[in-house]
């Protein structure tokens, strides 16, 4: 066995170990977290908040396989340091998605955990400027942001969603977006940077719109129904973290002409 093959075998074994740990860890935490975390500030827990909230089978296996594959892909194509920062972020995003999908709540505790993972991305000196462009200095602007890119990402993501929330409330006279979504997008901007949050917002908008149109066309959703946005934000962020290299290439191809 050659040295390269041995490295891939070791990477596969390590990825599988941490993938299983992360996948079943998500199930464990989701089932054991305090019921109060799944309630709004003016809400008290009831029977539907009590465990078990998600079954170990098949979800533990599915989550583990996904985490393992994502870790192996990133560790072998990017770096182990990036994989180490990414894996806890994926766990937090998955927990947020599960909570919002079932209980329409984004626990602040997991948003804080997600924000803390930003320290890991910053510590490895991740570059937050995949865009290149022949248009007026798009890449240059992103590159000059440097270590400030996460801060600008937080402001851009949170600011954009806050604006949508306020404008929507003024126009429709009702809440169109929860503040939990605003906080989540702000933190996703923090860990992805100024350029990353733009892609995340685009992917969130496209995936949620296509899903809603599909469900309405099948008669499973009415136009006036309210669906959680958190899973789409979390999913788009996870895709960005796992496939940032590929998205970088696509953005370079598109903007580079």
C-alpha atoms as a PDB file:
ATOM      1  CA  UNK A   1       0.000   0.000   0.000  1.00  0.00           C
ATOM      2  CA  UNK A   2       1.428   3.374  -1.036  1.00  0.00           C
ATOM      3  CA  UNK A   3       1.773   6.281   1.338  1.00  0.00           C
ATOM      4  CA  UNK A   4      -1.075   8.192  -0.339  1.00  0.00           C
ATOM      5  CA  UNK A   5      -3.422   5.237  -0.053  1.00  0.00           C
ATOM      6  CA  UNK A   6      -2.482   4.822   3.620  1.00  0.00           C
ATOM      7  CA  UNK A   7      -3.226   8.484   4.272  1.00  0.00           C
ATOM      8  CA  UNK A   8      -6.672   8.119   2.704  1.00  0.00           C
ATOM      9  CA  UNK A   9      -7.392   4.994   4.764  1.00  0.00           C
ATOM     10  CA  UNK A  10      -6.420   6.789   7.961  1.00  0.00           C
ATOM     11  CA  UNK A  11      -8.496   9.792   6.936  1.00  0.00           C
ATOM     12  CA  UNK A  12     -11.495   7.532   6.278  1.00  0.00           C
ATOM     13  CA  UNK A  13     -11.183   5.816   9.661  1.00  0.00           C
ATOM     14  CA  UNK A  14     -10.769   9.079  11.575  1.00  0.00           C
ATOM     15  CA  UNK A  15     -13.633  10.690   9.643  1.00  0.00           C
ATOM     16  CA  UNK A  16     -15.890   7.716  10.355  1.00  0.00           C
ATOM     17  CA  UNK A  17     -15.074   7.851  14.074  1.00  0.00           C
ATOM     18  CA  UNK A  18     -15.778  11.547  14.454  1.00  0.00           C
ATOM     19  CA  UNK A  19     -18.752  11.326  12.083  1.00  0.00           C
ATOM     20  CA  UNK A  20     -20.417   8.678  14.261  1.00  0.00           C
ATOM     21  CA  UNK A  21     -19.559  10.681  17.381  1.00  0.00           C
ATOM     22  CA  UNK A  22     -21.089  13.810  15.872  1.00  0.00           C
ATOM     23  CA  UNK A  23     -24.133  12.132  14.315  1.00  0.00           C
ATOM     24  CA  UNK A  24     -25.267  10.226  17.389  1.00  0.00           C
ATOM     25  CA  UNK A  25     -24.132  13.161  19.541  1.00  0.00           C
ATOM     26  CA  UNK A  26     -26.666  15.381  17.778  1.00  0.00           C
ATOM     27  CA  UNK A  27     -29.428  12.848  18.498  1.00  0.00           C
ATOM     28  CA  UNK A  28     -28.343  12.601  22.137  1.00  0.00           C
ATOM     29  CA  UNK A  29     -28.198  16.373  22.677  1.00  0.00           C
ATOM     30  CA  UNK A  30     -31.490  16.964  20.871  1.00  0.00           C
ATOM     31  CA  UNK A  31     -33.249  14.383  23.033  1.00  0.00           C
ATOM     32  CA  UNK A  32     -31.610  15.454  26.296  1.00  0.00           C
ATOM     33  CA  UNK A  33     -31.683  19.244  26.011  1.00  0.00           C
ATOM     34  CA  UNK A  34     -33.965  21.071  28.487  1.00  0.00           C
ATOM     35  CA  UNK A  35     -37.501  21.468  27.180  1.00  0.00           C
ATOM     36  CA  UNK A  36     -37.291  25.162  28.039  1.00  0.00           C
ATOM     37  CA  UNK A  37     -34.760  25.629  25.237  1.00  0.00           C
ATOM     38  CA  UNK A  38     -37.478  24.694  22.750  1.00  0.00           C
ATOM     39  CA  UNK A  39     -39.952  27.290  23.984  1.00  0.00           C
ATOM     40  CA  UNK A  40     -40.339  30.949  23.151  1.00  0.00           C
ATOM     41  CA  UNK A  41     -39.674  33.520  25.869  1.00  0.00           C
ATOM     42  CA  UNK A  42     -43.369  33.739  26.839  1.00  0.00           C
ATOM     43  CA  UNK A  43     -44.063  30.018  26.421  1.00  0.00           C
ATOM     44  CA  UNK A  44     -44.009  27.151  28.913  1.00  0.00           C
ATOM     45  CA  UNK A  45     -43.034  23.549  27.986  1.00  0.00           C
ATOM     46  CA  UNK A  46     -45.763  20.975  27.487  1.00  0.00           C
ATOM     47  CA  UNK A  47     -45.911  17.300  26.539  1.00  0.00           C
ATOM     48  CA  UNK A  48     -44.818  17.835  22.958  1.00  0.00           C
ATOM     49  CA  UNK A  49     -41.505  19.279  24.180  1.00  0.00           C
ATOM     50  CA  UNK A  50     -40.607  16.148  26.141  1.00  0.00           C
ATOM     51  CA  UNK A  51     -38.170  13.493  24.819  1.00  0.00           C
ATOM     52  CA  UNK A  52     -37.750  11.412  22.814  1.00  0.00           C
ATOM     53  CA  UNK A  53     -37.811  14.039  20.090  1.00  0.00           C
ATOM     54  CA  UNK A  54     -35.973  12.150  17.347  1.00  0.00           C
ATOM     55  CA  UNK A  55     -35.330   8.405  16.981  1.00  0.00           C
ATOM     56  CA  UNK A  56     -31.786   7.012  17.027  1.00  0.00           C
ATOM     57  CA  UNK A  57     -32.736   4.815  14.074  1.00  0.00           C
ATOM     58  CA  UNK A  58     -32.525   5.692  11.291  1.00  0.00           C
ATOM     59  CA  UNK A  59     -31.587   9.302  12.057  1.00  0.00           C
ATOM     60  CA  UNK A  60     -28.473   8.581  14.087  1.00  0.00           C
ATOM     61  CA  UNK A  61     -27.071   6.479  11.266  1.00  0.00           C
ATOM     62  CA  UNK A  62     -28.057   9.012   8.599  1.00  0.00           C
ATOM     63  CA  UNK A  63     -26.565  11.938  10.531  1.00  0.00           C
ATOM     64  CA  UNK A  64     -23.386   9.950  11.223  1.00  0.00           C
ATOM     65  CA  UNK A  65     -22.907   9.006   7.577  1.00  0.00           C
ATOM     66  CA  UNK A  66     -23.424  12.601   6.468  1.00  0.00           C
ATOM     67  CA  UNK A  67     -20.996  13.957   9.058  1.00  0.00           C
ATOM     68  CA  UNK A  68     -18.386  11.321   8.209  1.00  0.00           C
ATOM     69  CA  UNK A  69     -18.556  11.961   4.471  1.00  0.00           C
ATOM     70  CA  UNK A  70     -18.396  15.736   4.974  1.00  0.00           C
ATOM     71  CA  UNK A  71     -15.398  15.401   7.300  1.00  0.00           C
ATOM     72  CA  UNK A  72     -13.554  13.068   4.920  1.00  0.00           C
ATOM     73  CA  UNK A  73     -14.211  15.329   1.939  1.00  0.00           C
ATOM     74  CA  UNK A  74     -13.022  18.486   3.671  1.00  0.00           C
ATOM     75  CA  UNK A  75     -10.092  16.855   5.486  1.00  0.00           C
ATOM     76  CA  UNK A  76      -8.653  15.369   2.299  1.00  0.00           C
ATOM     77  CA  UNK A  77      -9.356  18.260  -0.073  1.00  0.00           C
ATOM     78  CA  UNK A  78      -8.929  21.267   2.232  1.00  0.00           C
ATOM     79  CA  UNK A  79      -7.310  20.551   5.610  1.00  0.00           C
ATOM     80  CA  UNK A  80      -7.837  18.750   8.896  1.00  0.00           C
ATOM     81  CA  UNK A  81      -7.823  22.094  10.667  1.00  0.00           C
ATOM     82  CA  UNK A  82     -10.750  23.274   8.572  1.00  0.00           C
ATOM     83  CA  UNK A  83     -12.562  19.969   9.188  1.00  0.00           C
ATOM     84  CA  UNK A  84     -12.068  20.390  12.940  1.00  0.00           C
ATOM     85  CA  UNK A  85     -13.700  23.834  12.800  1.00  0.00           C
ATOM     86  CA  UNK A  86     -16.449  22.715  10.433  1.00  0.00           C
ATOM     87  CA  UNK A  87     -17.718  19.610  12.265  1.00  0.00           C
ATOM     88  CA  UNK A  88     -19.025  21.341  15.420  1.00  0.00           C
ATOM     89  CA  UNK A  89     -20.541  24.027  13.190  1.00  0.00           C
ATOM     90  CA  UNK A  90     -22.431  21.355  11.248  1.00  0.00           C
ATOM     91  CA  UNK A  91     -23.664  19.838  14.520  1.00  0.00           C
ATOM     92  CA  UNK A  92     -24.976  23.211  15.686  1.00  0.00           C
ATOM     93  CA  UNK A  93     -26.633  23.854  12.312  1.00  0.00           C
ATOM     94  CA  UNK A  94     -28.313  20.439  12.377  1.00  0.00           C
ATOM     95  CA  UNK A  95     -29.626  20.968  15.911  1.00  0.00           C
ATOM     96  CA  UNK A  96     -30.961  24.388  14.906  1.00  0.00           C
ATOM     97  CA  UNK A  97     -32.654  22.886  11.854  1.00  0.00           C
ATOM     98  CA  UNK A  98     -34.293  20.094  13.883  1.00  0.00           C
ATOM     99  CA  UNK A  99     -35.539  22.480  16.563  1.00  0.00           C
ATOM    100  CA  UNK A 100     -36.947  25.038  14.133  1.00  0.00           C
ATOM    101  CA  UNK A 101     -38.557  22.433  11.911  1.00  0.00           C
ATOM    102  CA  UNK A 102     -40.452  20.759  14.752  1.00  0.00           C
ATOM    103  CA  UNK A 103     -40.940  23.507  17.328  1.00  0.00           C
ATOM    104  CA  UNK A 104     -40.586  26.727  15.284  1.00  0.00           C
ATOM    105  CA  UNK A 105     -37.830  27.931  17.593  1.00  0.00           C
ATOM    106  CA  UNK A 106     -34.120  28.579  17.097  1.00  0.00           C
ATOM    107  CA  UNK A 107     -32.449  27.990  20.487  1.00  0.00           C
ATOM    108  CA  UNK A 108     -30.052  30.791  21.408  1.00  0.00           C
ATOM    109  CA  UNK A 109     -27.704  28.223  22.945  1.00  0.00           C
ATOM    110  CA  UNK A 110     -26.951  26.624  19.569  1.00  0.00           C
ATOM    111  CA  UNK A 111     -26.609  29.997  17.865  1.00  0.00           C
ATOM    112  CA  UNK A 112     -23.947  30.853  20.461  1.00  0.00           C
ATOM    113  CA  UNK A 113     -22.172  27.538  19.815  1.00  0.00           C
ATOM    114  CA  UNK A 114     -22.240  28.288  16.095  1.00  0.00           C
ATOM    115  CA  UNK A 115     -20.750  31.726  16.719  1.00  0.00           C
ATOM    116  CA  UNK A 116     -17.960  30.206  18.820  1.00  0.00           C
ATOM    117  CA  UNK A 117     -16.964  27.939  15.923  1.00  0.00           C
ATOM    118  CA  UNK A 118     -16.114  31.155  14.074  1.00  0.00           C
ATOM    119  CA  UNK A 119     -13.042  31.334  16.315  1.00  0.00           C
ATOM    120  CA  UNK A 120     -11.872  28.068  14.785  1.00  0.00           C
ATOM    121  CA  UNK A 121     -12.273  29.351  11.244  1.00  0.00           C
ATOM    122  CA  UNK A 122     -10.439  32.556  12.143  1.00  0.00           C
ATOM    123  CA  UNK A 123      -7.658  30.652  13.929  1.00  0.00           C
ATOM    124  CA  UNK A 124      -6.752  28.643  10.827  1.00  0.00           C
ATOM    125  CA  UNK A 125      -6.476  31.812   8.782  1.00  0.00           C
ATOM    126  CA  UNK A 126      -9.237  30.895   6.378  1.00  0.00           C
ATOM    127  CA  UNK A 127      -9.439  33.167   3.349  1.00  0.00           C
ATOM    128  CA  UNK A 128     -12.826  34.763   2.852  1.00  0.00           C
ATOM    129  CA  UNK A 129     -12.460  35.928  -0.746  1.00  0.00           C
ATOM    130  CA  UNK A 130     -13.337  33.308  -3.347  1.00  0.00           C
ATOM    131  CA  UNK A 131     -14.707  35.821  -5.832  1.00  0.00           C
ATOM    132  CA  UNK A 132     -12.691  37.079  -8.741  1.00  0.00           C
ATOM    133  CA  UNK A 133     -14.112  39.417 -11.296  1.00  0.00           C
ATOM    134  CA  UNK A 134     -13.328  41.524 -14.311  1.00  0.00           C
ATOM    135  CA  UNK A 135     -15.958  43.929 -13.046  1.00  0.00           C
ATOM    136  CA  UNK A 136     -14.803  46.930 -10.966  1.00  0.00           C
ATOM    137  CA  UNK A 137     -12.694  45.472  -8.166  1.00  0.00           C
ATOM    138  CA  UNK A 138     -15.189  42.998  -6.627  1.00  0.00           C
ATOM    139  CA  UNK A 139     -12.366  40.643  -5.712  1.00  0.00           C
ATOM    140  CA  UNK A 140     -10.149  43.472  -4.553  1.00  0.00           C
ATOM    141  CA  UNK A 141     -12.831  44.755  -2.200  1.00  0.00           C
ATOM    142  CA  UNK A 142     -13.366  41.285  -0.732  1.00  0.00           C
ATOM    143  CA  UNK A 143      -9.651  40.696  -0.369  1.00  0.00           C
ATOM    144  CA  UNK A 144      -9.068  44.031   1.369  1.00  0.00           C
ATOM    145  CA  UNK A 145     -11.633  43.119   4.021  1.00  0.00           C
ATOM    146  CA  UNK A 146      -9.196  40.489   5.341  1.00  0.00           C
ATOM    147  CA  UNK A 147      -9.830  39.620   8.981  1.00  0.00           C
ATOM    148  CA  UNK A 148     -12.738  42.095   9.017  1.00  0.00           C
ATOM    149  CA  UNK A 149     -14.653  39.914   6.569  1.00  0.00           C
ATOM    150  CA  UNK A 150     -16.434  37.925   9.315  1.00  0.00           C
ATOM    151  CA  UNK A 151     -17.575  41.183  10.949  1.00  0.00           C
ATOM    152  CA  UNK A 152     -18.875  42.491   7.636  1.00  0.00           C
ATOM    153  CA  UNK A 153     -20.510  39.104   7.060  1.00  0.00           C
ATOM    154  CA  UNK A 154     -22.321  39.375  10.385  1.00  0.00           C
ATOM    155  CA  UNK A 155     -23.506  42.905   9.606  1.00  0.00           C
ATOM    156  CA  UNK A 156     -24.543  42.026   6.041  1.00  0.00           C
ATOM    157  CA  UNK A 157     -26.409  38.849   6.960  1.00  0.00           C
ATOM    158  CA  UNK A 158     -28.108  40.196  10.056  1.00  0.00           C
ATOM    159  CA  UNK A 159     -28.750  43.591   8.478  1.00  0.00           C
ATOM    160  CA  UNK A 160     -30.320  42.187   5.317  1.00  0.00           C
ATOM    161  CA  UNK A 161     -32.664  39.873   7.216  1.00  0.00           C
ATOM    162  CA  UNK A 162     -33.526  42.564   9.760  1.00  0.00           C
ATOM    163  CA  UNK A 163     -34.455  44.902   6.913  1.00  0.00           C
ATOM    164  CA  UNK A 164     -36.645  42.229   5.314  1.00  0.00           C
ATOM    165  CA  UNK A 165     -38.304  41.571   8.672  1.00  0.00           C
ATOM    166  CA  UNK A 166     -39.044  45.243   9.345  1.00  0.00           C
ATOM    167  CA  UNK A 167     -40.211  46.060   5.821  1.00  0.00           C
ATOM    168  CA  UNK A 168     -42.365  42.934   5.696  1.00  0.00           C
ATOM    169  CA  UNK A 169     -43.983  43.817   9.005  1.00  0.00           C
ATOM    170  CA  UNK A 170     -44.737  47.353   7.810  1.00  0.00           C
ATOM    171  CA  UNK A 171     -46.206  46.184   4.497  1.00  0.00           C
ATOM    172  CA  UNK A 172     -48.192  43.149   5.712  1.00  0.00           C
ATOM    173  CA  UNK A 173     -48.974  44.386   9.240  1.00  0.00           C
ATOM    174  CA  UNK A 174     -47.765  41.070  10.631  1.00  0.00           C
ATOM    175  CA  UNK A 175     -44.490  39.329  11.402  1.00  0.00           C
ATOM    176  CA  UNK A 176     -42.988  37.810   8.253  1.00  0.00           C
ATOM    177  CA  UNK A 177     -39.717  36.648   9.788  1.00  0.00           C
ATOM    178  CA  UNK A 178     -38.777  35.739  13.335  1.00  0.00           C
ATOM    179  CA  UNK A 179     -35.880  37.459  15.071  1.00  0.00           C
ATOM    180  CA  UNK A 180     -34.327  34.022  15.501  1.00  0.00           C
ATOM    181  CA  UNK A 181     -33.841  33.898  11.729  1.00  0.00           C
ATOM    182  CA  UNK A 182     -32.158  37.311  11.838  1.00  0.00           C
ATOM    183  CA  UNK A 183     -29.750  36.190  14.578  1.00  0.00           C
ATOM    184  CA  UNK A 184     -29.013  32.933  12.777  1.00  0.00           C
ATOM    185  CA  UNK A 185     -28.189  34.636   9.474  1.00  0.00           C
ATOM    186  CA  UNK A 186     -25.979  37.143  11.296  1.00  0.00           C
ATOM    187  CA  UNK A 187     -23.964  34.334  12.895  1.00  0.00           C
ATOM    188  CA  UNK A 188     -23.813  32.442   9.589  1.00  0.00           C
ATOM    189  CA  UNK A 189     -22.309  35.599   8.112  1.00  0.00           C
ATOM    190  CA  UNK A 190     -19.807  35.668  10.967  1.00  0.00           C
ATOM    191  CA  UNK A 191     -18.485  32.180  10.218  1.00  0.00           C
ATOM    192  CA  UNK A 192     -18.632  32.463   6.422  1.00  0.00           C
ATOM    193  CA  UNK A 193     -17.418  36.006   5.849  1.00  0.00           C
ATOM    194  CA  UNK A 194     -18.727  38.811   3.665  1.00  0.00           C
ATOM    195  CA  UNK A 195     -18.553  36.854   0.409  1.00  0.00           C
ATOM    196  CA  UNK A 196     -19.824  33.632   1.927  1.00  0.00           C
ATOM    197  CA  UNK A 197     -22.949  35.181   3.412  1.00  0.00           C
ATOM    198  CA  UNK A 198     -23.967  36.463  -0.015  1.00  0.00           C
ATOM    199  CA  UNK A 199     -23.952  32.917  -1.372  1.00  0.00           C
ATOM    200  CA  UNK A 200     -25.769  31.637   1.714  1.00  0.00           C
ATOM    201  CA  UNK A 201     -28.535  34.228   1.327  1.00  0.00           C
ATOM    202  CA  UNK A 202     -28.940  33.379  -2.359  1.00  0.00           C
ATOM    203  CA  UNK A 203     -29.067  29.630  -1.659  1.00  0.00           C
ATOM    204  CA  UNK A 204     -31.530  30.201   1.198  1.00  0.00           C
ATOM    205  CA  UNK A 205     -33.840  32.267  -0.991  1.00  0.00           C
ATOM    206  CA  UNK A 206     -33.727  29.817  -3.915  1.00  0.00           C
ATOM    207  CA  UNK A 207     -34.126  26.629  -1.868  1.00  0.00           C
ATOM    208  CA  UNK A 208     -36.971  27.998   0.273  1.00  0.00           C
ATOM    209  CA  UNK A 209     -38.802  29.471  -2.738  1.00  0.00           C
ATOM    210  CA  UNK A 210     -38.537  26.257  -4.765  1.00  0.00           C
ATOM    211  CA  UNK A 211     -39.683  24.179  -1.790  1.00  0.00           C
ATOM    212  CA  UNK A 212     -42.680  26.400  -1.081  1.00  0.00           C
ATOM    213  CA  UNK A 213     -43.720  26.468  -4.750  1.00  0.00           C
ATOM    214  CA  UNK A 214     -43.434  22.682  -4.968  1.00  0.00           C
ATOM    215  CA  UNK A 215     -45.482  22.122  -1.787  1.00  0.00           C
ATOM    216  CA  UNK A 216     -48.158  24.591  -2.919  1.00  0.00           C
ATOM    217  CA  UNK A 217     -48.359  22.920  -6.331  1.00  0.00           C
ATOM    218  CA  UNK A 218     -48.947  19.585  -4.565  1.00  0.00           C
ATOM    219  CA  UNK A 219     -51.624  21.088  -2.340  1.00  0.00           C
ATOM    220  CA  UNK A 220     -49.589  20.440   0.823  1.00  0.00           C
ATOM    221  CA  UNK A 221     -49.108  24.098   1.617  1.00  0.00           C
ATOM    222  CA  UNK A 222     -51.362  27.124   1.380  1.00  0.00           C
ATOM    223  CA  UNK A 223     -50.189  30.580   0.420  1.00  0.00           C
ATOM    224  CA  UNK A 224     -51.090  31.875   3.874  1.00  0.00           C
ATOM    225  CA  UNK A 225     -49.295  29.063   5.728  1.00  0.00           C
ATOM    226  CA  UNK A 226     -46.216  29.837   7.795  1.00  0.00           C
ATOM    227  CA  UNK A 227     -43.155  27.640   7.339  1.00  0.00           C
ATOM    228  CA  UNK A 228     -39.870  27.858   9.282  1.00  0.00           C
ATOM    229  CA  UNK A 229     -36.947  29.440   7.463  1.00  0.00           C
ATOM    230  CA  UNK A 230     -34.249  28.205   9.861  1.00  0.00           C
ATOM    231  CA  UNK A 231     -33.733  24.815   8.172  1.00  0.00           C
ATOM    232  CA  UNK A 232     -33.088  26.548   4.844  1.00  0.00           C
ATOM    233  CA  UNK A 233     -30.574  28.969   6.376  1.00  0.00           C
ATOM    234  CA  UNK A 234     -28.846  26.129   8.206  1.00  0.00           C
ATOM    235  CA  UNK A 235     -28.844  23.914   5.113  1.00  0.00           C
ATOM    236  CA  UNK A 236     -27.437  26.645   2.879  1.00  0.00           C
ATOM    237  CA  UNK A 237     -24.703  27.382   5.417  1.00  0.00           C
ATOM    238  CA  UNK A 238     -23.803  23.692   5.707  1.00  0.00           C
ATOM    239  CA  UNK A 239     -23.554  23.431   1.916  1.00  0.00           C
ATOM    240  CA  UNK A 240     -21.302  26.471   1.848  1.00  0.00           C
ATOM    241  CA  UNK A 241     -19.010  25.114   4.576  1.00  0.00           C
ATOM    242  CA  UNK A 242     -18.689  21.683   2.942  1.00  0.00           C
ATOM    243  CA  UNK A 243     -18.418  22.824  -0.673  1.00  0.00           C
ATOM    244  CA  UNK A 244     -16.718  26.204  -0.267  1.00  0.00           C
ATOM    245  CA  UNK A 245     -13.920  25.160  -2.631  1.00  0.00           C
ATOM    246  CA  UNK A 246     -16.362  24.163  -5.366  1.00  0.00           C
ATOM    247  CA  UNK A 247     -18.481  27.266  -4.826  1.00  0.00           C
ATOM    248  CA  UNK A 248     -15.292  29.304  -5.010  1.00  0.00           C
ATOM    249  CA  UNK A 249     -14.514  27.776  -8.402  1.00  0.00           C
ATOM    250  CA  UNK A 250     -18.055  28.398  -9.650  1.00  0.00           C
ATOM    251  CA  UNK A 251     -18.020  32.003  -8.476  1.00  0.00           C
ATOM    252  CA  UNK A 252     -14.592  32.501 -10.050  1.00  0.00           C
ATOM    253  CA  UNK A 253     -15.839  31.022 -13.332  1.00  0.00           C
ATOM    254  CA  UNK A 254     -19.002  33.117 -13.310  1.00  0.00           C
ATOM    255  CA  UNK A 255     -17.579  36.449 -12.199  1.00  0.00           C
ATOM    256  CA  UNK A 256     -14.319  35.946 -14.040  1.00  0.00           C
ATOM    257  CA  UNK A 257     -16.163  35.576 -17.298  1.00  0.00           C
END
